[in-house]
C-alpha atoms as a PDB file:
ATOM      1  CA  UNK A   1       0.000   0.000   0.000  1.00  0.00           C
ATOM      2  CA  UNK A   2       2.838   2.423   0.822  1.00  0.00           C
ATOM      3  CA  UNK A   3       4.363   1.902  -2.612  1.00  0.00           C
ATOM      4  CA  UNK A   4       1.015   2.507  -4.302  1.00  0.00           C
ATOM      5  CA  UNK A   5       0.384   5.702  -2.363  1.00  0.00           C
ATOM      6  CA  UNK A   6       3.920   6.946  -2.967  1.00  0.00           C
ATOM      7  CA  UNK A   7       3.581   6.354  -6.708  1.00  0.00           C
ATOM      8  CA  UNK A   8       0.163   8.034  -6.917  1.00  0.00           C
ATOM      9  CA  UNK A   9       1.250  11.097  -4.933  1.00  0.00           C
ATOM     10  CA  UNK A  10       4.384  11.446  -7.061  1.00  0.00           C
ATOM     11  CA  UNK A  11       2.352  11.215 -10.263  1.00  0.00           C
ATOM     12  CA  UNK A  12       0.007  13.987  -9.110  1.00  0.00           C
ATOM     13  CA  UNK A  13       2.790  16.262  -7.900  1.00  0.00           C
ATOM     14  CA  UNK A  14       4.770  16.042 -11.141  1.00  0.00           C
ATOM     15  CA  UNK A  15       1.697  16.711 -13.300  1.00  0.00           C
ATOM     16  CA  UNK A  16       1.531  20.264 -14.681  1.00  0.00           C
ATOM     17  CA  UNK A  17      -2.143  20.443 -13.768  1.00  0.00           C
ATOM     18  CA  UNK A  18      -1.222  20.327 -10.085  1.00  0.00           C
ATOM     19  CA  UNK A  19       0.670  23.638 -10.313  1.00  0.00           C
ATOM     20  CA  UNK A  20      -2.000  25.190 -12.531  1.00  0.00           C
ATOM     21  CA  UNK A  21      -4.772  24.322 -10.071  1.00  0.00           C
ATOM     22  CA  UNK A  22      -2.836  25.777  -7.136  1.00  0.00           C
ATOM     23  CA  UNK A  23      -2.374  29.047  -9.028  1.00  0.00           C
ATOM     24  CA  UNK A  24      -6.060  29.112  -9.947  1.00  0.00           C
ATOM     25  CA  UNK A  25      -7.078  28.529  -6.325  1.00  0.00           C
ATOM     26  CA  UNK A  26      -5.541  31.908  -5.493  1.00  0.00           C
ATOM     27  CA  UNK A  27      -6.165  33.761  -8.761  1.00  0.00           C
ATOM     28  CA  UNK A  28      -9.904  33.022  -9.046  1.00  0.00           C
ATOM     29  CA  UNK A  29     -10.856  34.526  -5.638  1.00  0.00           C
ATOM     30  CA  UNK A  30      -8.747  37.594  -6.392  1.00  0.00           C
ATOM     31  CA  UNK A  31     -10.331  38.156  -9.811  1.00  0.00           C
ATOM     32  CA  UNK A  32     -13.852  37.643  -8.459  1.00  0.00           C
ATOM     33  CA  UNK A  33     -13.243  40.084  -5.590  1.00  0.00           C
ATOM     34  CA  UNK A  34     -11.843  42.713  -7.987  1.00  0.00           C
ATOM     35  CA  UNK A  35     -14.775  42.154 -10.358  1.00  0.00           C
ATOM     36  CA  UNK A  36     -17.281  42.687  -7.552  1.00  0.00           C
ATOM     37  CA  UNK A  37     -15.391  45.786  -6.433  1.00  0.00           C
ATOM     38  CA  UNK A  38     -15.540  47.114  -9.995  1.00  0.00           C
ATOM     39  CA  UNK A  39     -19.305  46.603 -10.152  1.00  0.00           C
ATOM     40  CA  UNK A  40     -19.735  48.460  -6.874  1.00  0.00           C
ATOM     41  CA  UNK A  41     -17.591  51.347  -8.105  1.00  0.00           C
ATOM     42  CA  UNK A  42     -19.447  51.441 -11.434  1.00  0.00           C
ATOM     43  CA  UNK A  43     -22.828  51.495  -9.713  1.00  0.00           C
ATOM     44  CA  UNK A  44     -21.744  54.406  -7.528  1.00  0.00           C
ATOM     45  CA  UNK A  45     -20.451  56.283 -10.572  1.00  0.00           C
ATOM     46  CA  UNK A  46     -23.309  55.616 -13.002  1.00  0.00           C
ATOM     47  CA  UNK A  47     -26.378  55.337 -10.746  1.00  0.00           C
ATOM     48  CA  UNK A  48     -25.163  57.380  -7.806  1.00  0.00           C
ATOM     49  CA  UNK A  49     -26.896  57.730  -4.456  1.00  0.00           C
ATOM     50  CA  UNK A  50     -24.614  55.085  -2.968  1.00  0.00           C
ATOM     51  CA  UNK A  51     -26.049  52.327  -5.194  1.00  0.00           C
ATOM     52  CA  UNK A  52     -22.729  50.485  -5.166  1.00  0.00           C
ATOM     53  CA  UNK A  53     -22.580  50.642  -1.387  1.00  0.00           C
ATOM     54  CA  UNK A  54     -26.054  49.152  -1.183  1.00  0.00           C
ATOM     55  CA  UNK A  55     -25.032  46.334  -3.517  1.00  0.00           C
ATOM     56  CA  UNK A  56     -21.929  45.763  -1.460  1.00  0.00           C
ATOM     57  CA  UNK A  57     -23.881  45.572   1.747  1.00  0.00           C
ATOM     58  CA  UNK A  58     -26.464  43.182   0.308  1.00  0.00           C
ATOM     59  CA  UNK A  59     -24.609  40.983  -2.190  1.00  0.00           C
ATOM     60  CA  UNK A  60     -21.151  41.998  -3.373  1.00  0.00           C
ATOM     61  CA  UNK A  61     -19.186  41.450  -0.178  1.00  0.00           C
ATOM     62  CA  UNK A  62     -16.822  38.968   1.413  1.00  0.00           C
ATOM     63  CA  UNK A  63     -19.685  37.025   2.938  1.00  0.00           C
ATOM     64  CA  UNK A  64     -21.166  36.354  -0.512  1.00  0.00           C
ATOM     65  CA  UNK A  65     -17.835  35.023  -1.749  1.00  0.00           C
ATOM     66  CA  UNK A  66     -17.459  32.799   1.294  1.00  0.00           C
ATOM     67  CA  UNK A  67     -21.036  31.632   0.777  1.00  0.00           C
ATOM     68  CA  UNK A  68     -20.066  29.968  -2.507  1.00  0.00           C
ATOM     69  CA  UNK A  69     -16.757  28.505  -1.399  1.00  0.00           C
ATOM     70  CA  UNK A  70     -17.872  24.864  -1.509  1.00  0.00           C
ATOM     71  CA  UNK A  71     -20.577  25.109  -4.160  1.00  0.00           C
ATOM     72  CA  UNK A  72     -20.503  22.215  -6.652  1.00  0.00           C
ATOM     73  CA  UNK A  73     -21.914  24.415  -9.401  1.00  0.00           C
ATOM     74  CA  UNK A  74     -19.442  27.263  -9.799  1.00  0.00           C
ATOM     75  CA  UNK A  75     -15.804  28.345  -9.642  1.00  0.00           C
ATOM     76  CA  UNK A  76     -13.397  25.787  -8.176  1.00  0.00           C
ATOM     77  CA  UNK A  77     -16.258  23.555  -7.103  1.00  0.00           C
ATOM     78  CA  UNK A  78     -17.114  23.006 -10.760  1.00  0.00           C
ATOM     79  CA  UNK A  79     -13.532  22.797 -12.046  1.00  0.00           C
ATOM     80  CA  UNK A  80     -12.095  20.575  -9.305  1.00  0.00           C
ATOM     81  CA  UNK A  81     -13.929  17.386 -10.424  1.00  0.00           C
ATOM     82  CA  UNK A  82     -12.484  17.921 -13.915  1.00  0.00           C
ATOM     83  CA  UNK A  83      -8.950  18.237 -12.561  1.00  0.00           C
ATOM     84  CA  UNK A  84      -9.378  15.198 -10.327  1.00  0.00           C
ATOM     85  CA  UNK A  85     -10.683  13.098 -13.200  1.00  0.00           C
ATOM     86  CA  UNK A  86      -7.828  14.110 -15.505  1.00  0.00           C
ATOM     87  CA  UNK A  87      -5.234  13.283 -12.844  1.00  0.00           C
ATOM     88  CA  UNK A  88      -6.836   9.908 -12.174  1.00  0.00           C
ATOM     89  CA  UNK A  89      -7.003   9.040 -15.854  1.00  0.00           C
ATOM     90  CA  UNK A  90      -3.345   9.930 -16.391  1.00  0.00           C
ATOM     91  CA  UNK A  91      -2.495   6.740 -14.508  1.00  0.00           C
ATOM     92  CA  UNK A  92      -4.934   4.644 -16.517  1.00  0.00           C
ATOM     93  CA  UNK A  93      -4.090   6.004 -19.965  1.00  0.00           C
ATOM     94  CA  UNK A  94      -0.378   5.384 -19.405  1.00  0.00           C
ATOM     95  CA  UNK A  95      -1.036   1.722 -18.668  1.00  0.00           C
ATOM     96  CA  UNK A  96       0.305   2.007 -15.127  1.00  0.00           C
ATOM     97  CA  UNK A  97      -2.853   0.607 -13.536  1.00  0.00           C
ATOM     98  CA  UNK A  98      -2.671  -2.467 -15.756  1.00  0.00           C
ATOM     99  CA  UNK A  99       0.973  -2.960 -14.797  1.00  0.00           C
ATOM    100  CA  UNK A 100       0.067  -2.722 -11.106  1.00  0.00           C
ATOM    101  CA  UNK A 101      -2.495  -5.484 -11.528  1.00  0.00           C
ATOM    102  CA  UNK A 102      -0.033  -7.625 -13.472  1.00  0.00           C
ATOM    103  CA  UNK A 103       2.537  -7.229 -10.685  1.00  0.00           C
ATOM    104  CA  UNK A 104       0.066  -8.662  -8.193  1.00  0.00           C
ATOM    105  CA  UNK A 105      -1.341  -5.580  -6.465  1.00  0.00           C
ATOM    106  CA  UNK A 106      -4.867  -6.030  -5.127  1.00  0.00           C
ATOM    107  CA  UNK A 107      -7.439  -4.072  -7.137  1.00  0.00           C
ATOM    108  CA  UNK A 108      -9.166  -2.819  -3.995  1.00  0.00           C
ATOM    109  CA  UNK A 109      -5.807  -1.478  -2.785  1.00  0.00           C
ATOM    110  CA  UNK A 110      -5.181   0.194  -6.144  1.00  0.00           C
ATOM    111  CA  UNK A 111      -8.608   1.874  -6.085  1.00  0.00           C
ATOM    112  CA  UNK A 112      -8.172   2.954  -2.456  1.00  0.00           C
ATOM    113  CA  UNK A 113      -4.736   4.423  -3.199  1.00  0.00           C
ATOM    114  CA  UNK A 114      -6.141   6.486  -6.059  1.00  0.00           C
ATOM    115  CA  UNK A 115      -9.008   7.667  -3.884  1.00  0.00           C
ATOM    116  CA  UNK A 116      -6.747   8.752  -1.010  1.00  0.00           C
ATOM    117  CA  UNK A 117      -4.236  10.494  -3.272  1.00  0.00           C
ATOM    118  CA  UNK A 118      -6.877  12.420  -5.221  1.00  0.00           C
ATOM    119  CA  UNK A 119      -8.726  13.267  -1.996  1.00  0.00           C
ATOM    120  CA  UNK A 120      -5.519  14.740  -0.561  1.00  0.00           C
ATOM    121  CA  UNK A 121      -4.989  16.763  -3.729  1.00  0.00           C
ATOM    122  CA  UNK A 122      -8.586  18.034  -3.634  1.00  0.00           C
ATOM    123  CA  UNK A 123      -8.245  18.971   0.049  1.00  0.00           C
ATOM    124  CA  UNK A 124      -5.092  21.024  -0.603  1.00  0.00           C
ATOM    125  CA  UNK A 125      -6.650  22.861  -3.555  1.00  0.00           C
ATOM    126  CA  UNK A 126      -9.900  23.547  -1.722  1.00  0.00           C
ATOM    127  CA  UNK A 127      -8.083  24.663   1.419  1.00  0.00           C
ATOM    128  CA  UNK A 128      -6.075  27.140  -0.642  1.00  0.00           C
ATOM    129  CA  UNK A 129      -9.213  28.343  -2.419  1.00  0.00           C
ATOM    130  CA  UNK A 130     -11.168  28.733   0.835  1.00  0.00           C
ATOM    131  CA  UNK A 131      -8.275  30.606   2.435  1.00  0.00           C
ATOM    132  CA  UNK A 132      -7.843  33.081  -0.420  1.00  0.00           C
ATOM    133  CA  UNK A 133     -11.613  33.504  -0.839  1.00  0.00           C
ATOM    134  CA  UNK A 134     -11.947  34.563   2.786  1.00  0.00           C
ATOM    135  CA  UNK A 135      -8.769  36.675   2.622  1.00  0.00           C
ATOM    136  CA  UNK A 136      -9.546  38.630  -0.547  1.00  0.00           C
ATOM    137  CA  UNK A 137     -13.243  38.797   0.279  1.00  0.00           C
ATOM    138  CA  UNK A 138     -12.542  40.452   3.616  1.00  0.00           C
ATOM    139  CA  UNK A 139      -9.660  42.672   2.511  1.00  0.00           C
ATOM    140  CA  UNK A 140     -11.105  43.886  -0.798  1.00  0.00           C
ATOM    141  CA  UNK A 141     -14.877  43.727  -0.294  1.00  0.00           C
ATOM    142  CA  UNK A 142     -15.240  43.808   3.472  1.00  0.00           C
ATOM    143  CA  UNK A 143     -16.749  41.378   5.992  1.00  0.00           C
ATOM    144  CA  UNK A 144     -14.384  40.624   8.824  1.00  0.00           C
ATOM    145  CA  UNK A 145     -14.630  38.655  12.064  1.00  0.00           C
ATOM    146  CA  UNK A 146     -16.158  41.688  13.761  1.00  0.00           C
ATOM    147  CA  UNK A 147     -19.315  41.264  11.639  1.00  0.00           C
ATOM    148  CA  UNK A 148     -19.873  37.611  12.519  1.00  0.00           C
ATOM    149  CA  UNK A 149     -22.654  37.250  15.125  1.00  0.00           C
ATOM    150  CA  UNK A 150     -21.390  35.646  18.316  1.00  0.00           C
ATOM    151  CA  UNK A 151     -23.984  32.893  17.987  1.00  0.00           C
ATOM    152  CA  UNK A 152     -22.769  31.989  14.491  1.00  0.00           C
ATOM    153  CA  UNK A 153     -19.060  31.435  15.201  1.00  0.00           C
ATOM    154  CA  UNK A 154     -19.518  27.739  15.880  1.00  0.00           C
ATOM    155  CA  UNK A 155     -21.851  27.509  12.898  1.00  0.00           C
ATOM    156  CA  UNK A 156     -19.110  28.806  10.612  1.00  0.00           C
ATOM    157  CA  UNK A 157     -16.756  26.125  11.910  1.00  0.00           C
ATOM    158  CA  UNK A 158     -19.323  23.445  11.092  1.00  0.00           C
ATOM    159  CA  UNK A 159     -19.839  25.010   7.658  1.00  0.00           C
ATOM    160  CA  UNK A 160     -16.173  24.743   6.723  1.00  0.00           C
ATOM    161  CA  UNK A 161     -15.927  21.302   8.273  1.00  0.00           C
ATOM    162  CA  UNK A 162     -18.808  20.044   6.156  1.00  0.00           C
ATOM    163  CA  UNK A 163     -17.329  21.714   3.101  1.00  0.00           C
ATOM    164  CA  UNK A 164     -14.109  19.734   3.353  1.00  0.00           C
ATOM    165  CA  UNK A 165     -15.939  16.525   4.251  1.00  0.00           C
ATOM    166  CA  UNK A 166     -18.007  16.936   1.071  1.00  0.00           C
ATOM    167  CA  UNK A 167     -14.783  16.348  -0.857  1.00  0.00           C
ATOM    168  CA  UNK A 168     -15.207  12.672   0.068  1.00  0.00           C
ATOM    169  CA  UNK A 169     -18.340  12.584  -2.068  1.00  0.00           C
ATOM    170  CA  UNK A 170     -16.755  14.479  -4.974  1.00  0.00           C
ATOM    171  CA  UNK A 171     -13.635  12.308  -5.082  1.00  0.00           C
ATOM    172  CA  UNK A 172     -15.636   9.094  -4.736  1.00  0.00           C
ATOM    173  CA  UNK A 173     -17.765  10.158  -7.719  1.00  0.00           C
ATOM    174  CA  UNK A 174     -14.631  11.007  -9.717  1.00  0.00           C
ATOM    175  CA  UNK A 175     -13.090   7.609  -8.968  1.00  0.00           C
ATOM    176  CA  UNK A 176     -16.324   5.804  -9.806  1.00  0.00           C
ATOM    177  CA  UNK A 177     -16.720   7.369 -13.252  1.00  0.00           C
ATOM    178  CA  UNK A 178     -13.003   7.228 -14.007  1.00  0.00           C
ATOM    179  CA  UNK A 179     -12.663   3.495 -13.384  1.00  0.00           C
ATOM    180  CA  UNK A 180     -16.077   2.749 -14.875  1.00  0.00           C
ATOM    181  CA  UNK A 181     -15.554   4.673 -18.132  1.00  0.00           C
ATOM    182  CA  UNK A 182     -11.767   4.483 -18.551  1.00  0.00           C
ATOM    183  CA  UNK A 183     -12.321   7.471 -20.838  1.00  0.00           C
ATOM    184  CA  UNK A 184     -11.442  11.096 -20.170  1.00  0.00           C
ATOM    185  CA  UNK A 185     -14.376  12.808 -21.891  1.00  0.00           C
ATOM    186  CA  UNK A 186     -17.013  10.388 -20.605  1.00  0.00           C
ATOM    187  CA  UNK A 187     -15.743  10.431 -17.030  1.00  0.00           C
ATOM    188  CA  UNK A 188     -15.523  14.234 -16.924  1.00  0.00           C
ATOM    189  CA  UNK A 189     -18.988  14.739 -18.412  1.00  0.00           C
ATOM    190  CA  UNK A 190     -20.676  12.271 -16.066  1.00  0.00           C
ATOM    191  CA  UNK A 191     -18.872  13.660 -13.004  1.00  0.00           C
ATOM    192  CA  UNK A 192     -19.896  17.225 -13.858  1.00  0.00           C
ATOM    193  CA  UNK A 193     -23.466  16.164 -14.628  1.00  0.00           C
ATOM    194  CA  UNK A 194     -23.665  14.401 -11.253  1.00  0.00           C
ATOM    195  CA  UNK A 195     -22.509  17.535  -9.427  1.00  0.00           C
ATOM    196  CA  UNK A 196     -24.979  19.659 -11.388  1.00  0.00           C
ATOM    197  CA  UNK A 197     -27.820  17.239 -10.623  1.00  0.00           C
ATOM    198  CA  UNK A 198     -27.095  17.398  -6.907  1.00  0.00           C
ATOM    199  CA  UNK A 199     -27.040  21.178  -7.151  1.00  0.00           C
ATOM    200  CA  UNK A 200     -30.345  21.136  -9.046  1.00  0.00           C
ATOM    201  CA  UNK A 201     -31.924  18.828  -6.481  1.00  0.00           C
ATOM    202  CA  UNK A 202     -30.770  21.242  -3.798  1.00  0.00           C
ATOM    203  CA  UNK A 203     -32.450  24.138  -5.605  1.00  0.00           C
ATOM    204  CA  UNK A 204     -35.677  22.166  -5.934  1.00  0.00           C
ATOM    205  CA  UNK A 205     -35.629  21.226  -2.270  1.00  0.00           C
ATOM    206  CA  UNK A 206     -35.220  24.868  -1.338  1.00  0.00           C
ATOM    207  CA  UNK A 207     -38.840  25.242  -2.448  1.00  0.00           C
ATOM    208  CA  UNK A 208     -40.037  22.479  -0.137  1.00  0.00           C
ATOM    209  CA  UNK A 209     -40.489  25.120   2.546  1.00  0.00           C
ATOM    210  CA  UNK A 210     -43.332  26.691   0.551  1.00  0.00           C
ATOM    211  CA  UNK A 211     -45.128  23.318   0.391  1.00  0.00           C
ATOM    212  CA  UNK A 212     -44.334  21.715   3.729  1.00  0.00           C
ATOM    213  CA  UNK A 213     -42.607  23.293   6.694  1.00  0.00           C
ATOM    214  CA  UNK A 214     -39.198  24.493   7.767  1.00  0.00           C
ATOM    215  CA  UNK A 215     -38.283  21.344   9.678  1.00  0.00           C
ATOM    216  CA  UNK A 216     -38.962  19.110   6.658  1.00  0.00           C
ATOM    217  CA  UNK A 217     -36.865  21.351   4.438  1.00  0.00           C
ATOM    218  CA  UNK A 218     -33.941  21.508   6.852  1.00  0.00           C
ATOM    219  CA  UNK A 219     -33.785  17.748   7.523  1.00  0.00           C
ATOM    220  CA  UNK A 220     -34.027  16.792   3.845  1.00  0.00           C
ATOM    221  CA  UNK A 221     -31.574  19.437   2.675  1.00  0.00           C
ATOM    222  CA  UNK A 222     -28.912  18.394   5.159  1.00  0.00           C
ATOM    223  CA  UNK A 223     -28.787  14.929   3.590  1.00  0.00           C
ATOM    224  CA  UNK A 224     -27.869  16.369   0.178  1.00  0.00           C
ATOM    225  CA  UNK A 225     -24.075  16.868  -0.032  1.00  0.00           C
ATOM    226  CA  UNK A 226     -24.319  20.143  -1.938  1.00  0.00           C
ATOM    227  CA  UNK A 227     -27.008  21.791   0.187  1.00  0.00           C
ATOM    228  CA  UNK A 228     -25.409  22.578   3.525  1.00  0.00           C
ATOM    229  CA  UNK A 229     -22.174  23.706   1.910  1.00  0.00           C
ATOM    230  CA  UNK A 230     -23.973  25.959  -0.583  1.00  0.00           C
ATOM    231  CA  UNK A 231     -25.194  28.194   2.230  1.00  0.00           C
ATOM    232  CA  UNK A 232     -22.915  30.129   4.536  1.00  0.00           C
ATOM    233  CA  UNK A 233     -22.587  28.744   8.014  1.00  0.00           C
ATOM    234  CA  UNK A 234     -24.413  31.649   9.609  1.00  0.00           C
ATOM    235  CA  UNK A 235     -27.902  30.610   8.549  1.00  0.00           C
ATOM    236  CA  UNK A 236     -30.050  28.407   6.310  1.00  0.00           C
ATOM    237  CA  UNK A 237     -32.451  31.315   5.804  1.00  0.00           C
ATOM    238  CA  UNK A 238     -33.687  30.891   2.211  1.00  0.00           C
ATOM    239  CA  UNK A 239     -36.806  32.989   2.570  1.00  0.00           C
ATOM    240  CA  UNK A 240     -37.115  36.141   4.626  1.00  0.00           C
ATOM    241  CA  UNK A 241     -39.975  34.715   6.663  1.00  0.00           C
ATOM    242  CA  UNK A 242     -37.851  31.743   7.719  1.00  0.00           C
ATOM    243  CA  UNK A 243     -36.118  32.178  11.069  1.00  0.00           C
ATOM    244  CA  UNK A 244     -32.328  31.615  10.974  1.00  0.00           C
ATOM    245  CA  UNK A 245     -31.257  28.011  11.497  1.00  0.00           C
ATOM    246  CA  UNK A 246     -27.665  27.691  12.646  1.00  0.00           C
ATOM    247  CA  UNK A 247     -25.544  24.623  11.956  1.00  0.00           C
ATOM    248  CA  UNK A 248     -25.218  22.778  15.250  1.00  0.00           C
ATOM    249  CA  UNK A 249     -23.859  19.313  16.059  1.00  0.00           C
ATOM    250  CA  UNK A 250     -27.093  17.660  14.921  1.00  0.00           C
ATOM    251  CA  UNK A 251     -27.067  19.435  11.574  1.00  0.00           C
ATOM    252  CA  UNK A 252     -23.368  18.735  11.165  1.00  0.00           C
ATOM    253  CA  UNK A 253     -23.808  14.999  11.776  1.00  0.00           C
ATOM    254  CA  UNK A 254     -26.783  14.889   9.394  1.00  0.00           C
ATOM    255  CA  UNK A 255     -24.640  16.530   6.738  1.00  0.00           C
ATOM    256  CA  UNK A 256     -21.821  14.062   7.339  1.00  0.00           C
ATOM    257  CA  UNK A 257     -24.309  11.191   7.100  1.00  0.00           C
ATOM    258  CA  UNK A 258     -25.476  12.414   3.681  1.00  0.00           C
ATOM    259  CA  UNK A 259     -21.914  12.703   2.386  1.00  0.00           C
ATOM    260  CA  UNK A 260     -20.993   9.247   3.670  1.00  0.00           C
ATOM    261  CA  UNK A 261     -24.163   7.759   2.202  1.00  0.00           C
ATOM    262  CA  UNK A 262     -23.728   9.050  -1.335  1.00  0.00           C
ATOM    263  CA  UNK A 263     -19.936   8.952  -1.218  1.00  0.00           C
ATOM    264  CA  UNK A 264     -20.049   5.381   0.057  1.00  0.00           C
ATOM    265  CA  UNK A 265     -22.342   4.346  -2.782  1.00  0.00           C
ATOM    266  CA  UNK A 266     -19.992   5.792  -5.390  1.00  0.00           C
ATOM    267  CA  UNK A 267     -16.911   4.311  -3.723  1.00  0.00           C
ATOM    268  CA  UNK A 268     -18.464   0.839  -3.386  1.00  0.00           C
ATOM    269  CA  UNK A 269     -19.716   0.938  -6.961  1.00  0.00           C
ATOM    270  CA  UNK A 270     -16.308   2.010  -8.202  1.00  0.00           C
ATOM    271  CA  UNK A 271     -14.422  -0.778  -6.449  1.00  0.00           C
ATOM    272  CA  UNK A 272     -16.961  -3.346  -7.672  1.00  0.00           C
ATOM    273  CA  UNK A 273     -16.690  -2.251 -11.295  1.00  0.00           C
ATOM    274  CA  UNK A 274     -12.890  -2.019 -11.213  1.00  0.00           C
ATOM    275  CA  UNK A 275     -12.559  -5.413  -9.533  1.00  0.00           C
ATOM    276  CA  UNK A 276     -14.551  -7.006 -12.334  1.00  0.00           C
ATOM    277  CA  UNK A 277     -13.253  -4.981 -15.278  1.00  0.00           C
ATOM    278  CA  UNK A 278     -11.071  -6.347 -18.059  1.00  0.00           C
ATOM    279  CA  UNK A 279      -7.987  -4.163 -18.377  1.00  0.00           C
ATOM    280  CA  UNK A 280      -6.488  -3.964 -21.839  1.00  0.00           C
END
């Protein structure tokens, strides 16, 4: 197992995409923050009456940027599955996976090694992205620790914790499609479609509140990997009439359960398919 992990980590580190993704994790938050700042300045200049300041207070601020840190449907959240899939397939397309099997390595161990290595890569990229999103969002657009309600501090910690745990689901899906398709285009398309579907389901469930009640909406939404991490840790308040719902231990554990459920299904399916596949 150590040899497999060492080889997989080395392959990822030497890939040019690794450096590119690290640069993007810092560049994207900076560009988005500057873009939002430009819109605010333009609104003040063209519309006047502090229109840009109003936009900044309501939408174009550091909190908004942080709100989308772990979203599966935009920015790094949408690009990361593509990078992970490409890095995974680089080992398959080169014939290295086939050679590992020929040399007697267990297929479950090979799959697990790829999962752990790509999960580590995803964690590093997302950590960098989350760090620079918060940094540039606060420095350029405003929204520092002094504006976080005292009752929401723990909720923010749970938010970021769930965000990183959601990477288990993303990487499991990437591994599943990669080893099932053995094809770059097919694996990337299906991985992206899966993330978009989960995001769409989350949007649909956000309307459950208008049909049922808040408790039904909250419980269901927490079981969808993209839902909790698509809303900032301060509140789940989708509609103005909904009272704020902070992320506590119960909500955190429900979110973890959803990630483990769907991530586990993808991981189990991936190992089953790979164990029974005919490598050429």
